[in-house]
N, C-alpha and C. Protein backbone atom coordinates (compact mmCIF):
# COMPACT_ATOMS: atom_id res chain seq x y z
N MET A 1 -78.57 72.66 70.21
CA MET A 1 -78.43 73.28 68.41
C MET A 1 -79.21 74.52 68.67
N LEU A 2 -79.73 75.58 68.05
CA LEU A 2 -80.08 76.61 68.18
C LEU A 2 -80.62 77.06 66.46
N TYR A 3 -81.75 77.76 66.50
CA TYR A 3 -82.11 78.29 64.99
C TYR A 3 -82.90 79.11 65.27
N LEU A 4 -82.87 80.08 63.93
CA LEU A 4 -83.90 81.59 63.89
C LEU A 4 -84.25 81.53 62.42
N SER A 5 -85.58 81.73 62.47
CA SER A 5 -86.18 81.77 61.34
C SER A 5 -85.73 83.25 60.57
N LYS A 6 -85.83 83.31 59.48
CA LYS A 6 -85.40 84.37 58.65
C LYS A 6 -86.88 84.69 57.52
N GLY A 7 -87.24 85.93 57.26
CA GLY A 7 -87.98 86.26 56.06
C GLY A 7 -89.02 87.08 57.12
N ILE A 8 -90.08 87.20 56.26
CA ILE A 8 -91.24 87.93 56.26
C ILE A 8 -92.59 87.41 55.50
N VAL A 9 -93.26 86.97 56.55
CA VAL A 9 -94.85 86.50 56.34
C VAL A 9 -95.43 87.62 55.23
N CYS A 10 -95.71 86.83 53.70
CA CYS A 10 -96.12 87.62 53.04
C CYS A 10 -98.19 87.92 53.54
N LYS A 11 -98.86 88.85 52.87
CA LYS A 11 -100.02 89.20 53.27
C LYS A 11 -101.10 87.67 52.66
N ASN A 12 -100.89 87.48 51.87
CA ASN A 12 -101.53 86.33 51.34
C ASN A 12 -101.10 84.84 51.67
N SER A 13 -100.63 84.91 52.85
CA SER A 13 -100.21 83.47 53.32
C SER A 13 -101.66 83.00 54.02
N THR A 14 -101.78 81.93 54.23
CA THR A 14 -102.76 81.04 54.60
C THR A 14 -102.67 80.09 55.97
N CYS A 15 -103.20 79.45 56.62
CA CYS A 15 -102.97 79.10 57.82
C CYS A 15 -102.08 77.78 57.45
N ASP A 16 -102.53 77.27 56.34
CA ASP A 16 -102.09 76.08 55.63
C ASP A 16 -100.91 76.12 54.86
N CYS A 17 -100.53 77.42 54.09
CA CYS A 17 -99.58 77.44 53.51
C CYS A 17 -98.81 79.23 53.74
N LEU A 18 -97.77 79.17 53.86
CA LEU A 18 -97.19 80.15 54.45
C LEU A 18 -96.15 80.90 53.45
N ASN A 19 -96.39 82.06 52.77
CA ASN A 19 -95.46 82.72 51.68
C ASN A 19 -94.47 83.60 52.66
N ILE A 20 -93.20 83.24 52.44
CA ILE A 20 -92.17 83.90 53.27
C ILE A 20 -91.60 84.79 52.00
N ALA A 21 -91.39 86.20 52.30
CA ALA A 21 -90.38 86.80 51.40
C ALA A 21 -88.91 86.97 52.43
N ARG A 22 -88.25 87.15 51.14
CA ARG A 22 -86.47 87.07 51.29
C ARG A 22 -86.02 87.61 50.25
N GLY A 23 -85.74 89.13 50.78
CA GLY A 23 -85.33 89.79 49.55
C GLY A 23 -86.22 89.94 48.19
N GLU A 24 -85.99 89.57 47.14
CA GLU A 24 -86.84 89.72 45.80
C GLU A 24 -87.35 88.30 45.72
N SER A 25 -87.17 87.27 46.41
CA SER A 25 -87.75 85.99 46.46
C SER A 25 -88.81 85.86 47.33
N ILE A 26 -89.99 84.96 46.77
CA ILE A 26 -90.85 84.37 47.72
C ILE A 26 -91.21 82.74 47.62
N VAL A 27 -90.61 82.36 48.95
CA VAL A 27 -90.66 80.76 48.98
C VAL A 27 -91.77 80.47 49.98
N THR A 28 -92.48 79.41 49.40
CA THR A 28 -93.63 78.71 49.80
C THR A 28 -93.53 77.49 50.68
N ILE A 29 -94.51 77.20 52.05
CA ILE A 29 -93.91 76.58 52.79
C ILE A 29 -94.98 75.65 53.33
N SER A 30 -95.42 74.91 53.49
CA SER A 30 -96.86 74.55 54.37
C SER A 30 -95.88 72.98 55.69
N GLY A 31 -97.24 72.72 56.14
CA GLY A 31 -96.93 71.51 57.29
C GLY A 31 -96.00 71.84 58.25
N LYS A 32 -95.11 70.83 58.44
CA LYS A 32 -94.20 70.58 59.37
C LYS A 32 -93.05 72.12 59.33
N GLU A 33 -93.09 72.44 58.12
CA GLU A 33 -91.56 73.43 58.02
C GLU A 33 -92.35 74.68 58.42
N ALA A 34 -93.76 75.00 57.73
CA ALA A 34 -94.46 76.16 58.56
C ALA A 34 -94.18 76.14 59.45
N GLY A 35 -94.65 74.98 60.84
CA GLY A 35 -94.58 74.65 61.95
C GLY A 35 -93.54 75.16 62.83
N ILE A 36 -92.25 74.45 62.18
CA ILE A 36 -90.94 74.87 62.22
C ILE A 36 -90.26 75.95 62.15
N TRP A 37 -90.83 77.05 61.01
CA TRP A 37 -90.51 78.46 60.87
C TRP A 37 -91.04 78.94 61.50
N LEU A 38 -92.35 79.14 61.84
CA LEU A 38 -93.22 79.52 63.14
C LEU A 38 -92.95 79.84 64.27
N GLU A 39 -92.00 79.22 64.44
CA GLU A 39 -91.51 78.75 66.10
C GLU A 39 -90.22 79.29 66.40
N GLY A 40 -89.39 79.60 65.47
CA GLY A 40 -87.99 80.39 65.40
C GLY A 40 -88.27 81.73 64.64
N ARG A 41 -89.79 82.21 64.51
CA ARG A 41 -89.98 83.72 64.04
C ARG A 41 -89.43 84.64 64.99
N LEU A 42 -90.29 84.71 66.32
CA LEU A 42 -90.08 85.98 67.07
C LEU A 42 -88.86 85.18 68.09
N LYS A 43 -87.85 84.43 68.27
CA LYS A 43 -86.96 83.88 69.14
C LYS A 43 -86.28 83.20 68.40
N ILE A 44 -85.07 82.80 69.00
CA ILE A 44 -84.16 81.85 69.10
C ILE A 44 -84.94 80.43 69.45
N ASN A 45 -85.18 79.14 68.74
CA ASN A 45 -85.38 78.16 69.16
C ASN A 45 -84.51 77.22 69.58
N SER A 46 -84.43 76.37 70.49
CA SER A 46 -83.63 75.30 70.68
C SER A 46 -84.18 73.79 70.75
N ASP A 47 -85.69 73.57 70.71
CA ASP A 47 -86.23 72.75 70.70
C ASP A 47 -86.37 72.16 69.31
N LEU A 48 -85.51 70.95 69.29
CA LEU A 48 -85.48 70.54 67.88
C LEU A 48 -85.81 69.19 67.57
N ASN A 49 -86.83 69.18 67.51
CA ASN A 49 -87.40 67.26 66.93
C ASN A 49 -87.17 66.87 66.06
N ASP A 50 -87.04 67.82 64.83
CA ASP A 50 -86.87 67.67 63.60
C ASP A 50 -85.65 68.56 63.01
N ILE A 51 -84.38 67.95 63.19
CA ILE A 51 -83.39 68.43 62.35
C ILE A 51 -83.11 68.81 60.92
N LYS A 52 -83.66 67.72 60.46
CA LYS A 52 -83.94 67.47 58.71
C LYS A 52 -84.68 68.51 58.34
N THR A 53 -85.85 68.75 58.96
CA THR A 53 -86.67 69.99 58.18
C THR A 53 -85.99 70.96 58.83
N VAL A 54 -85.19 71.62 59.32
CA VAL A 54 -84.51 72.76 60.09
C VAL A 54 -83.30 72.49 58.71
N GLU A 55 -82.88 71.82 58.46
CA GLU A 55 -81.47 71.73 57.24
C GLU A 55 -82.01 72.13 55.91
N ILE A 56 -83.26 71.31 55.70
CA ILE A 56 -84.37 71.84 54.44
C ILE A 56 -84.41 73.60 54.31
N LEU A 57 -85.14 73.67 55.59
CA LEU A 57 -85.47 75.30 55.73
C LEU A 57 -84.37 75.79 55.44
N SER A 58 -82.99 75.73 55.81
CA SER A 58 -81.57 76.48 55.73
C SER A 58 -81.20 76.06 54.43
N ASP A 59 -81.43 75.42 53.74
CA ASP A 59 -81.10 75.27 52.18
C ASP A 59 -81.87 76.19 51.66
N LYS A 60 -83.19 76.01 51.98
CA LYS A 60 -84.26 77.28 51.09
C LYS A 60 -83.86 78.93 51.77
N GLY A 61 -82.97 79.09 52.78
CA GLY A 61 -82.88 80.42 52.95
C GLY A 61 -83.56 80.87 54.08
N LEU A 62 -84.25 79.96 54.81
CA LEU A 62 -85.35 80.60 55.67
C LEU A 62 -85.48 80.33 56.90
N ILE A 63 -83.54 79.74 57.58
CA ILE A 63 -83.35 79.50 58.68
C ILE A 63 -81.94 79.77 58.63
N GLU A 64 -81.77 79.93 59.95
CA GLU A 64 -79.78 79.95 60.17
C GLU A 64 -79.99 79.20 61.44
N TYR A 65 -79.21 78.13 61.64
CA TYR A 65 -78.76 76.73 62.58
C TYR A 65 -77.27 77.10 63.02
N GLU A 66 -77.19 76.82 64.52
CA GLU A 66 -76.21 76.62 64.92
C GLU A 66 -75.65 75.43 65.97
N GLU A 67 -74.82 75.20 66.11
CA GLU A 67 -74.72 73.75 66.55
C GLU A 67 -74.46 74.01 67.87
N SER A 68 -73.91 74.83 68.63
CA SER A 68 -73.78 75.55 69.99
C SER A 68 -74.71 76.10 70.62
N SER A 69 -75.44 75.86 71.72
CA SER A 69 -76.48 76.52 72.35
C SER A 69 -76.15 77.63 73.12
N ASP A 70 -74.95 77.83 73.43
CA ASP A 70 -74.44 78.64 74.27
C ASP A 70 -74.73 80.37 73.98
N ALA A 71 -74.25 81.18 75.01
CA ALA A 71 -74.41 82.44 74.62
C ALA A 71 -73.28 82.79 73.47
N LEU A 72 -72.48 82.19 72.98
CA LEU A 72 -71.73 82.64 71.77
C LEU A 72 -72.46 81.84 70.58
N GLY A 73 -73.14 80.95 70.69
CA GLY A 73 -73.67 80.35 69.67
C GLY A 73 -75.10 81.37 69.42
N LYS A 74 -75.67 82.17 70.08
CA LYS A 74 -76.53 82.87 69.82
C LYS A 74 -76.12 84.08 69.25
N TYR A 75 -74.60 84.49 69.70
CA TYR A 75 -74.18 85.67 68.82
C TYR A 75 -73.68 85.16 67.35
N ARG A 76 -73.16 84.16 67.38
CA ARG A 76 -72.76 83.63 65.81
C ARG A 76 -74.11 83.74 64.90
N LEU A 77 -75.19 83.26 65.83
CA LEU A 77 -76.57 82.67 64.69
C LEU A 77 -76.84 84.14 64.38
N LEU A 78 -76.68 85.05 65.08
CA LEU A 78 -77.48 86.75 64.77
C LEU A 78 -76.18 87.23 63.65
N THR A 79 -74.95 86.89 63.98
CA THR A 79 -74.27 87.55 62.85
C THR A 79 -74.22 87.23 61.61
N ARG A 80 -75.08 85.86 61.24
CA ARG A 80 -75.46 85.39 60.08
C ARG A 80 -76.76 85.99 59.28
N CYS A 81 -77.27 86.61 59.87
CA CYS A 81 -78.55 87.40 59.70
C CYS A 81 -78.26 88.88 59.75
N ILE A 82 -79.40 89.33 59.14
CA ILE A 82 -79.52 91.23 58.65
C ILE A 82 -80.43 91.26 59.94
N CYS A 83 -80.65 92.31 60.63
CA CYS A 83 -81.27 92.83 61.51
C CYS A 83 -82.21 94.03 60.98
N CYS A 84 -83.23 94.04 60.31
CA CYS A 84 -84.08 95.43 59.72
C CYS A 84 -85.42 95.95 60.40
N PRO A 85 -85.18 97.43 60.95
CA PRO A 85 -86.39 97.88 61.52
C PRO A 85 -88.15 97.35 60.91
N THR A 86 -88.84 97.35 61.41
CA THR A 86 -89.98 97.15 61.09
C THR A 86 -90.99 98.35 61.00
N LYS A 87 -91.92 98.13 60.09
CA LYS A 87 -93.17 99.50 60.32
C LYS A 87 -93.64 99.49 61.57
N VAL A 88 -93.57 100.15 62.37
CA VAL A 88 -94.43 99.92 63.72
C VAL A 88 -95.99 99.57 63.41
N SER A 89 -96.22 99.13 64.56
CA SER A 89 -98.08 98.63 64.25
C SER A 89 -98.60 99.94 65.42
N ILE A 90 -99.73 100.18 65.63
CA ILE A 90 -100.58 100.91 66.22
C ILE A 90 -99.82 100.54 67.92
N VAL A 91 -99.85 99.02 68.01
CA VAL A 91 -99.88 98.88 69.80
C VAL A 91 -98.28 98.86 69.88
N LYS A 92 -97.96 99.31 70.65
CA LYS A 92 -96.44 99.41 71.05
C LYS A 92 -95.79 99.23 72.49
N LYS A 93 -95.15 97.72 72.33
CA LYS A 93 -94.52 97.47 73.67
C LYS A 93 -93.33 98.49 74.04
N PRO A 94 -93.34 98.78 75.75
CA PRO A 94 -92.38 99.80 75.69
C PRO A 94 -90.90 99.50 75.78
N LEU A 95 -89.82 99.98 75.43
CA LEU A 95 -88.50 99.92 75.23
C LEU A 95 -87.59 100.53 76.01
N SER A 96 -86.94 99.79 76.29
CA SER A 96 -85.89 99.89 77.49
C SER A 96 -85.01 101.11 76.73
N LYS A 97 -83.74 101.73 77.49
CA LYS A 97 -83.02 102.43 77.08
C LYS A 97 -82.55 101.84 76.01
N ALA A 98 -81.61 100.61 75.87
CA ALA A 98 -80.93 100.09 75.45
C ALA A 98 -81.43 99.46 73.90
N GLU A 99 -82.57 99.32 74.43
CA GLU A 99 -83.83 98.76 73.04
C GLU A 99 -83.70 100.08 72.02
N LYS A 100 -84.02 101.16 72.72
CA LYS A 100 -84.35 102.63 71.81
C LYS A 100 -83.12 103.00 71.06
N THR A 101 -81.85 102.80 71.65
CA THR A 101 -80.70 103.12 71.28
C THR A 101 -80.44 102.13 70.22
N VAL A 102 -80.42 100.92 70.08
CA VAL A 102 -79.88 99.60 69.00
C VAL A 102 -80.92 100.17 67.77
N LEU A 103 -82.65 100.39 68.64
CA LEU A 103 -83.29 100.68 67.44
C LEU A 103 -82.81 101.89 66.64
N GLN A 104 -82.62 102.81 67.60
CA GLN A 104 -82.06 104.04 66.32
C GLN A 104 -81.29 103.84 65.70
N TRP A 105 -79.98 102.92 65.81
CA TRP A 105 -79.05 102.82 65.14
C TRP A 105 -79.36 101.86 63.90
N LEU A 106 -80.38 100.83 63.97
CA LEU A 106 -80.60 100.57 63.12
C LEU A 106 -81.27 101.18 62.04
N THR A 107 -82.38 101.90 62.77
CA THR A 107 -83.29 102.61 61.31
C THR A 107 -82.80 104.19 61.07
N MET A 108 -81.84 104.88 61.73
CA MET A 108 -81.30 105.69 60.85
C MET A 108 -79.62 105.64 60.93
N ALA A 109 -78.88 104.67 60.33
CA ALA A 109 -77.90 104.65 60.36
C ALA A 109 -77.28 104.69 58.59
N GLY A 110 -78.70 104.92 58.09
CA GLY A 110 -77.96 104.87 56.43
C GLY A 110 -77.39 103.94 55.86
N LEU A 111 -77.50 102.79 56.75
CA LEU A 111 -76.99 101.56 56.04
C LEU A 111 -77.31 100.36 57.00
N ARG A 112 -77.32 99.14 56.78
CA ARG A 112 -77.80 97.87 57.27
C ARG A 112 -76.66 97.56 58.25
N LEU A 113 -76.66 97.78 59.49
CA LEU A 113 -75.46 97.28 60.03
C LEU A 113 -75.89 95.97 60.81
N SER A 114 -74.28 95.18 60.99
CA SER A 114 -74.26 93.65 61.25
C SER A 114 -74.55 93.87 62.79
N THR A 115 -74.65 92.83 63.38
CA THR A 115 -74.35 92.44 64.89
C THR A 115 -73.37 92.66 65.35
N ALA A 116 -72.27 92.64 64.81
CA ALA A 116 -70.84 92.66 65.14
C ALA A 116 -70.52 94.26 65.29
N GLU A 117 -71.11 94.94 63.98
CA GLU A 117 -71.16 96.46 64.25
C GLU A 117 -71.70 97.00 65.01
N LEU A 118 -72.77 96.60 65.49
CA LEU A 118 -73.80 97.12 66.86
C LEU A 118 -73.07 97.06 68.06
N ILE A 119 -72.63 95.93 68.32
CA ILE A 119 -71.79 95.49 69.57
C ILE A 119 -70.49 96.18 69.40
N PHE A 120 -69.88 96.35 68.23
CA PHE A 120 -68.59 97.60 68.34
C PHE A 120 -68.86 98.98 68.80
N LEU A 121 -70.29 99.37 68.29
CA LEU A 121 -70.62 100.77 68.58
C LEU A 121 -71.13 100.97 70.40
N MET A 122 -71.58 99.74 70.79
CA MET A 122 -72.24 99.89 71.89
C MET A 122 -70.69 99.87 72.88
N GLU A 123 -70.21 98.76 72.65
CA GLU A 123 -68.87 98.76 73.28
C GLU A 123 -67.98 99.57 73.29
N ASN A 124 -68.18 100.61 72.61
CA ASN A 124 -66.98 101.57 72.40
C ASN A 124 -67.88 103.10 73.05
N ASN A 125 -69.02 102.70 73.61
CA ASN A 125 -69.65 103.75 73.92
C ASN A 125 -70.27 104.95 72.67
N ILE A 126 -70.09 104.66 71.59
CA ILE A 126 -70.62 105.46 70.57
C ILE A 126 -72.41 105.57 70.40
N LEU A 127 -72.73 106.87 70.64
CA LEU A 127 -74.30 106.50 70.64
C LEU A 127 -74.41 107.18 69.29
N PRO A 128 -75.92 107.19 68.95
CA PRO A 128 -76.02 107.91 67.81
C PRO A 128 -75.99 109.18 67.86
N SER A 129 -75.72 110.28 66.70
CA SER A 129 -75.46 111.38 66.72
C SER A 129 -75.84 111.94 65.25
N THR A 130 -76.09 113.23 64.81
CA THR A 130 -76.47 113.24 63.98
C THR A 130 -75.19 113.23 62.92
N SER A 131 -73.80 113.42 63.25
CA SER A 131 -73.08 113.26 62.36
C SER A 131 -72.66 111.75 62.30
N LEU A 132 -73.39 111.02 62.42
CA LEU A 132 -73.02 109.38 62.19
C LEU A 132 -74.57 108.76 61.83
N LEU A 133 -75.28 109.77 61.74
CA LEU A 133 -76.62 109.05 61.20
C LEU A 133 -76.93 109.57 59.86
N TYR A 134 -77.90 108.92 59.27
CA TYR A 134 -78.59 109.03 57.79
C TYR A 134 -77.44 108.46 56.64
N GLU A 135 -78.08 108.49 55.69
CA GLU A 135 -77.50 108.56 54.37
C GLU A 135 -75.90 109.30 54.14
N ASP A 136 -76.28 110.81 54.36
CA ASP A 136 -75.17 111.90 54.23
C ASP A 136 -73.95 111.19 55.00
N ASN A 137 -74.06 110.58 56.16
CA ASN A 137 -72.83 110.44 57.31
C ASN A 137 -72.32 108.99 57.27
N ARG A 138 -72.80 107.98 56.28
CA ARG A 138 -72.76 106.65 56.29
C ARG A 138 -71.12 106.10 56.17
N GLN A 139 -70.43 107.01 55.04
CA GLN A 139 -69.00 107.11 55.16
C GLN A 139 -68.56 107.65 56.95
N ALA A 140 -68.99 108.09 57.36
CA ALA A 140 -68.35 108.77 58.48
C ALA A 140 -68.24 107.63 59.52
N LEU A 141 -69.64 107.03 59.31
CA LEU A 141 -70.15 106.03 60.17
C LEU A 141 -69.23 104.76 59.89
N VAL A 142 -68.96 104.67 58.90
CA VAL A 142 -68.18 103.02 58.26
C VAL A 142 -66.74 103.39 59.02
N GLU A 143 -66.19 104.52 58.62
CA GLU A 143 -64.63 105.07 59.14
C GLU A 143 -64.81 104.81 60.91
N THR A 144 -66.04 105.04 61.57
CA THR A 144 -65.88 104.91 62.85
C THR A 144 -65.76 103.61 63.48
N ILE A 145 -66.26 102.82 62.74
CA ILE A 145 -66.30 101.25 63.02
C ILE A 145 -65.06 100.76 62.83
N TYR A 146 -64.77 100.96 61.36
CA TYR A 146 -63.96 99.98 60.93
C TYR A 146 -62.47 101.11 61.07
N THR A 147 -61.38 100.39 61.50
CA THR A 147 -59.86 100.74 61.61
C THR A 147 -58.90 99.76 60.92
N LYS A 148 -57.48 100.32 60.94
CA LYS A 148 -56.78 99.40 60.59
C LYS A 148 -56.81 97.95 61.36
N ASN A 149 -57.44 98.10 62.59
CA ASN A 149 -56.88 96.60 63.39
C ASN A 149 -58.36 95.83 62.87
N ASN A 150 -59.43 96.47 62.51
CA ASN A 150 -60.55 95.64 62.18
C ASN A 150 -61.00 95.40 60.59
N ILE A 151 -60.55 95.80 59.63
CA ILE A 151 -60.93 96.09 58.25
C ILE A 151 -60.67 94.93 57.67
N PHE A 152 -60.23 93.82 58.02
CA PHE A 152 -60.10 92.66 57.17
C PHE A 152 -61.28 91.89 57.47
N ASP A 153 -61.32 91.01 56.95
CA ASP A 153 -62.91 90.11 56.32
C ASP A 153 -63.10 89.43 57.95
N ASN A 154 -64.06 89.53 58.35
CA ASN A 154 -64.26 88.85 59.49
C ASN A 154 -63.91 89.02 61.42
N ILE A 155 -62.92 89.85 60.76
CA ILE A 155 -61.91 90.13 61.70
C ILE A 155 -63.04 90.98 62.91
N LEU A 156 -63.60 91.97 62.75
CA LEU A 156 -64.73 92.05 63.36
C LEU A 156 -65.68 91.21 64.14
N GLU A 157 -66.23 90.48 63.58
CA GLU A 157 -67.13 89.52 64.32
C GLU A 157 -66.44 88.52 65.39
N THR A 158 -65.08 88.81 64.85
CA THR A 158 -64.37 87.52 65.97
C THR A 158 -63.87 88.50 67.16
N GLN A 159 -63.63 89.64 67.08
CA GLN A 159 -63.38 90.52 67.87
C GLN A 159 -64.37 90.81 68.84
N MET A 160 -65.55 90.75 68.21
CA MET A 160 -66.69 91.07 68.88
C MET A 160 -67.30 90.00 69.82
N GLU A 161 -66.64 88.91 69.75
CA GLU A 161 -66.91 87.65 70.35
C GLU A 161 -66.91 87.86 71.63
N LYS A 162 -65.55 88.75 72.02
CA LYS A 162 -65.10 88.56 73.43
C LYS A 162 -65.45 89.88 73.78
N ALA A 163 -66.15 91.09 73.43
CA ALA A 163 -66.77 92.02 73.88
C ALA A 163 -67.42 91.77 75.00
N GLN A 164 -67.60 92.89 75.93
CA GLN A 164 -68.03 92.94 77.17
C GLN A 164 -69.70 92.71 77.11
N CYS A 165 -69.83 93.41 76.19
CA CYS A 165 -71.37 93.85 76.35
C CYS A 165 -72.04 92.81 75.23
N ARG A 166 -71.49 92.02 74.57
CA ARG A 166 -71.72 91.03 73.23
C ARG A 166 -73.60 90.56 74.01
N ASP A 167 -73.22 89.80 75.07
CA ASP A 167 -74.54 89.31 75.36
C ASP A 167 -75.56 89.99 75.90
N LYS A 168 -75.34 91.31 76.25
CA LYS A 168 -76.23 92.54 76.53
C LYS A 168 -76.96 92.75 75.14
N ILE A 169 -75.97 93.15 73.84
CA ILE A 169 -76.55 93.47 72.74
C ILE A 169 -77.33 92.39 71.94
N VAL A 170 -76.97 90.96 71.90
CA VAL A 170 -77.47 89.83 71.60
C VAL A 170 -79.46 89.97 72.28
N ASN A 171 -79.20 89.84 73.63
CA ASN A 171 -80.47 89.99 74.21
C ASN A 171 -81.26 91.02 74.23
N VAL A 172 -80.44 92.31 73.76
CA VAL A 172 -81.58 93.46 73.12
C VAL A 172 -81.93 92.96 72.01
N LEU A 173 -81.25 92.71 71.06
CA LEU A 173 -81.78 92.42 69.44
C LEU A 173 -82.98 91.33 69.37
N LEU A 174 -82.83 90.41 70.18
CA LEU A 174 -83.70 89.36 70.60
C LEU A 174 -85.14 89.57 71.11
N LYS A 175 -84.84 90.49 71.95
CA LYS A 175 -86.06 91.56 72.47
C LYS A 175 -87.03 92.46 71.64
N LEU A 176 -86.02 93.04 70.63
CA LEU A 176 -86.50 93.97 69.58
C LEU A 176 -87.11 92.73 68.92
N LEU A 177 -87.05 91.53 68.35
CA LEU A 177 -87.64 90.56 67.37
C LEU A 177 -88.67 90.18 68.00
N TYR A 178 -88.65 89.87 69.43
CA TYR A 178 -89.90 89.49 69.99
C TYR A 178 -90.83 90.46 70.14
N LYS A 179 -90.62 91.47 70.37
CA LYS A 179 -91.30 92.70 70.05
C LYS A 179 -91.88 93.59 69.02
N ARG A 180 -91.46 92.88 67.73
CA ARG A 180 -91.69 93.00 66.54
C ARG A 180 -91.42 94.46 66.30
N ARG A 181 -90.34 94.69 66.37
CA ARG A 181 -89.72 96.06 66.26
C ARG A 181 -88.53 95.79 65.43
N ILE A 182 -88.43 94.82 64.82
CA ILE A 182 -87.08 94.02 63.88
C ILE A 182 -87.61 92.64 63.20
N VAL A 183 -87.22 92.80 62.36
CA VAL A 183 -87.19 91.46 61.34
C VAL A 183 -85.76 90.74 60.96
N VAL A 184 -85.98 89.72 60.69
CA VAL A 184 -84.60 88.95 60.95
C VAL A 184 -84.63 88.60 59.06
N LEU A 185 -83.49 88.95 58.21
CA LEU A 185 -83.52 88.32 57.11
C LEU A 185 -82.15 87.82 56.75
C-alpha cells in the first residue's frame, strides 16, 4: 500500500498541532495523524503501520492512498492529485532537463495540468512553447491534448497507464515534490 499527503502546512502550525490548507478549508490534525501526514508530505510512503489512520486522513481529504505498491500504483495515486508549483525559496536544488520541462508546463500552462496530461505531452514530445502556454493559449493546449480518441471521461488516464514515459514522468513529479518545487493538493 502507498500513500501521499495532500495540502499545505499553514504558518500558524506548531509541533503539536498541524493546520493543513486544502482549497479554502483548513483541517487541524495532531499526534499520530500529524506524524503520518508528515511522512507522506514530500514522498510517496509505503511504510504503513497504521492503515486505520491513513483511512481517516483520506476521509478528511489529506491523503490519497493506493492498494498497489508498484509503478502503476504510483501513477494511479498521482492521477488523483493536483500538482501545483510552489513559490521558490532562496535555496534551490538543481533540476534536470525533464524536471525543468515539467515544471515549466506546471507553472506556465494557464491551467492545472493533470498527471495524465503531463505524460501525454511528454510522450508526444510536445515541448512548452508560447503558442501553448499562458491563459491566452489554454484552449490551444486543451485541443492539443484532447482528441476524439481521448476526450471521454478517464480515457486519457487509462491510455497514459501504458505510455512509455509514464514511470519517468511520475519520478520527475516525485523529485519535484521532494525538492519542494511543487505541492500536492
